[in-house]
Amino acid sequence: MKGHRLRPIVYVRSRVYYTYMSKLTLSVDEEVIAGAKRYAEQQGTSVSRLVERYLDALARPPVVKDEDLSPVTRRLKGVLKGVKFDREEYIDYLERKYR
């Protein structure tokens, strides 16, 4: 077929997962909201997604790698494992120490 171009056939498969997202109502200063919207737009995301990421980060304990610790901290890590700590006894100790 002269003059006709063949177009390649492209198959696309996509899956969409729908998950229920809870709604949250917050009271936030208007200027803060405006700044958050500008920032979200610059980052190519939404304010909701920014808040979700922030709250997720707050809910997870920080991960500290051993190589990020100072040598002294690395040596002391785990030294008190299994030691019972009595808060009241410690408070009494501090009160006696700093009289």
C-alpha atoms as a PDB file:
ATOM      1  CA  MET A   1       0.000   0.000   0.000  1.00  0.00           C
ATOM      2  CA  LYS A   2       1.818   2.959  -1.260  1.00  0.00           C
ATOM      3  CA  GLY A   3       1.392   6.187   0.674  1.00  0.00           C
ATOM      4  CA  HIS A   4      -0.330   4.549   3.673  1.00  0.00           C
ATOM      5  CA  ARG A   5       1.367   4.323   6.988  1.00  0.00           C
ATOM      6  CA  LEU A   6       0.737   1.452   9.284  1.00  0.00           C
ATOM      7  CA  ARG A   7       0.045   2.464  12.835  1.00  0.00           C
ATOM      8  CA  PRO A   8       1.377   0.276  15.571  1.00  0.00           C
ATOM      9  CA  ILE A   9      -1.191  -1.265  17.861  1.00  0.00           C
ATOM     10  CA  VAL A  10      -0.607  -0.434  21.486  1.00  0.00           C
ATOM     11  CA  TYR A  11      -2.297  -2.397  24.214  1.00  0.00           C
ATOM     12  CA  VAL A  12      -2.704  -0.711  27.561  1.00  0.00           C
ATOM     13  CA  ARG A  13      -3.823  -2.446  30.671  1.00  0.00           C
ATOM     14  CA  SER A  14      -4.612  -0.440  33.746  1.00  0.00           C
ATOM     15  CA  ARG A  15      -5.942  -1.319  37.106  1.00  0.00           C
ATOM     16  CA  VAL A  16      -7.726   1.126  39.305  1.00  0.00           C
ATOM     17  CA  TYR A  17      -8.021   0.466  42.991  1.00  0.00           C
ATOM     18  CA  TYR A  18     -10.624   2.406  44.863  1.00  0.00           C
ATOM     19  CA  THR A  19      -9.979   2.864  48.540  1.00  0.00           C
ATOM     20  CA  TYR A  20     -12.097   4.708  51.016  1.00  0.00           C
ATOM     21  CA  MET A  21     -10.436   7.866  52.229  1.00  0.00           C
ATOM     22  CA  SER A  22     -11.759   9.378  55.442  1.00  0.00           C
ATOM     23  CA  LYS A  23     -12.434  13.085  55.499  1.00  0.00           C
ATOM     24  CA  LEU A  24     -10.945  15.384  58.104  1.00  0.00           C
ATOM     25  CA  THR A  25     -12.054  18.925  58.880  1.00  0.00           C
ATOM     26  CA  LEU A  26      -9.409  21.303  60.176  1.00  0.00           C
ATOM     27  CA  SER A  27      -9.482  24.927  61.282  1.00  0.00           C
ATOM     28  CA  VAL A  28      -6.516  26.673  59.683  1.00  0.00           C
ATOM     29  CA  ASP A  29      -5.612  30.322  59.205  1.00  0.00           C
ATOM     30  CA  GLU A  30      -6.521  31.577  55.697  1.00  0.00           C
ATOM     31  CA  GLU A  31      -2.973  32.740  54.971  1.00  0.00           C
ATOM     32  CA  VAL A  32      -1.620  29.319  55.893  1.00  0.00           C
ATOM     33  CA  ILE A  33      -4.137  27.673  53.572  1.00  0.00           C
ATOM     34  CA  ALA A  34      -3.200  30.005  50.714  1.00  0.00           C
ATOM     35  CA  GLY A  35       0.506  29.282  51.250  1.00  0.00           C
ATOM     36  CA  ALA A  36      -0.141  25.539  51.421  1.00  0.00           C
ATOM     37  CA  LYS A  37      -2.116  25.654  48.165  1.00  0.00           C
ATOM     38  CA  ARG A  38       0.696  27.528  46.404  1.00  0.00           C
ATOM     39  CA  TYR A  39       3.280  25.083  47.735  1.00  0.00           C
ATOM     40  CA  ALA A  40       1.160  22.060  46.757  1.00  0.00           C
ATOM     41  CA  GLU A  41       0.723  23.418  43.233  1.00  0.00           C
ATOM     42  CA  GLN A  42       4.473  23.996  42.880  1.00  0.00           C
ATOM     43  CA  GLN A  43       5.058  20.417  44.030  1.00  0.00           C
ATOM     44  CA  GLY A  44       2.411  19.001  41.711  1.00  0.00           C
ATOM     45  CA  THR A  45       0.280  17.610  44.518  1.00  0.00           C
ATOM     46  CA  SER A  46      -2.700  18.568  46.666  1.00  0.00           C
ATOM     47  CA  VAL A  47      -2.966  20.048  50.133  1.00  0.00           C
ATOM     48  CA  SER A  48      -4.784  16.886  51.197  1.00  0.00           C
ATOM     49  CA  ARG A  49      -1.860  14.745  50.047  1.00  0.00           C
ATOM     50  CA  LEU A  50       0.626  17.028  51.839  1.00  0.00           C
ATOM     51  CA  VAL A  51      -1.348  16.749  55.081  1.00  0.00           C
ATOM     52  CA  GLU A  52      -1.674  12.978  54.640  1.00  0.00           C
ATOM     53  CA  ARG A  53       2.099  12.591  54.194  1.00  0.00           C
ATOM     54  CA  TYR A  54       2.786  14.830  57.179  1.00  0.00           C
ATOM     55  CA  LEU A  55       0.417  12.948  59.488  1.00  0.00           C
ATOM     56  CA  ASP A  56       1.824   9.636  58.262  1.00  0.00           C
ATOM     57  CA  ALA A  57       5.349  10.817  59.081  1.00  0.00           C
ATOM     58  CA  LEU A  58       4.221  11.856  62.575  1.00  0.00           C
ATOM     59  CA  ALA A  59       2.621   8.477  63.206  1.00  0.00           C
ATOM     60  CA  ARG A  60       5.732   6.469  62.304  1.00  0.00           C
ATOM     61  CA  PRO A  61       8.698   6.255  64.632  1.00  0.00           C
ATOM     62  CA  PRO A  62      11.837   7.746  63.106  1.00  0.00           C
ATOM     63  CA  VAL A  63      14.213   5.245  61.562  1.00  0.00           C
ATOM     64  CA  VAL A  64      17.786   5.831  62.698  1.00  0.00           C
ATOM     65  CA  LYS A  65      20.513   3.823  61.053  1.00  0.00           C
ATOM     66  CA  ASP A  66      23.477   2.749  63.182  1.00  0.00           C
ATOM     67  CA  GLU A  67      25.891   4.469  60.811  1.00  0.00           C
ATOM     68  CA  ASP A  68      24.107   7.780  61.484  1.00  0.00           C
ATOM     69  CA  LEU A  69      24.847   7.518  65.209  1.00  0.00           C
ATOM     70  CA  SER A  70      27.966   8.922  66.808  1.00  0.00           C
ATOM     71  CA  PRO A  71      30.527   6.307  67.963  1.00  0.00           C
ATOM     72  CA  VAL A  72      29.691   6.921  71.634  1.00  0.00           C
ATOM     73  CA  THR A  73      25.949   6.534  71.036  1.00  0.00           C
ATOM     74  CA  ARG A  74      26.560   3.389  68.988  1.00  0.00           C
ATOM     75  CA  ARG A  75      28.509   1.833  71.893  1.00  0.00           C
ATOM     76  CA  LEU A  76      25.802   2.763  74.408  1.00  0.00           C
ATOM     77  CA  LYS A  77      22.889   1.563  72.288  1.00  0.00           C
ATOM     78  CA  GLY A  78      21.104  -1.285  74.051  1.00  0.00           C
ATOM     79  CA  VAL A  79      23.135  -1.057  77.287  1.00  0.00           C
ATOM     80  CA  LEU A  80      20.006  -0.576  79.397  1.00  0.00           C
ATOM     81  CA  LYS A  81      17.933  -3.220  77.637  1.00  0.00           C
ATOM     82  CA  GLY A  82      16.027  -5.211  80.268  1.00  0.00           C
ATOM     83  CA  VAL A  83      16.805  -2.770  83.101  1.00  0.00           C
ATOM     84  CA  LYS A  84      13.738  -1.825  85.117  1.00  0.00           C
ATOM     85  CA  PHE A  85      13.220   1.918  85.412  1.00  0.00           C
ATOM     86  CA  ASP A  86      11.313   3.393  88.357  1.00  0.00           C
ATOM     87  CA  ARG A  87      10.293   6.959  87.580  1.00  0.00           C
ATOM     88  CA  GLU A  88       9.581   7.869  91.212  1.00  0.00           C
ATOM     89  CA  GLU A  89      12.964   6.572  92.318  1.00  0.00           C
ATOM     90  CA  TYR A  90      14.667   8.649  89.621  1.00  0.00           C
ATOM     91  CA  ILE A  91      12.759  11.785  90.657  1.00  0.00           C
ATOM     92  CA  ASP A  92      13.812  11.209  94.279  1.00  0.00           C
ATOM     93  CA  TYR A  93      17.434  10.820  93.122  1.00  0.00           C
ATOM     94  CA  LEU A  94      17.310  14.101  91.179  1.00  0.00           C
ATOM     95  CA  GLU A  95      15.706  15.942  94.107  1.00  0.00           C
ATOM     96  CA  ARG A  96      18.483  14.727  96.452  1.00  0.00           C
ATOM     97  CA  LYS A  97      21.177  15.558  93.902  1.00  0.00           C
ATOM     98  CA  TYR A  98      20.035  19.128  93.248  1.00  0.00           C
ATOM     99  CA  ARG A  99      19.154  20.284  96.790  1.00  0.00           C
END
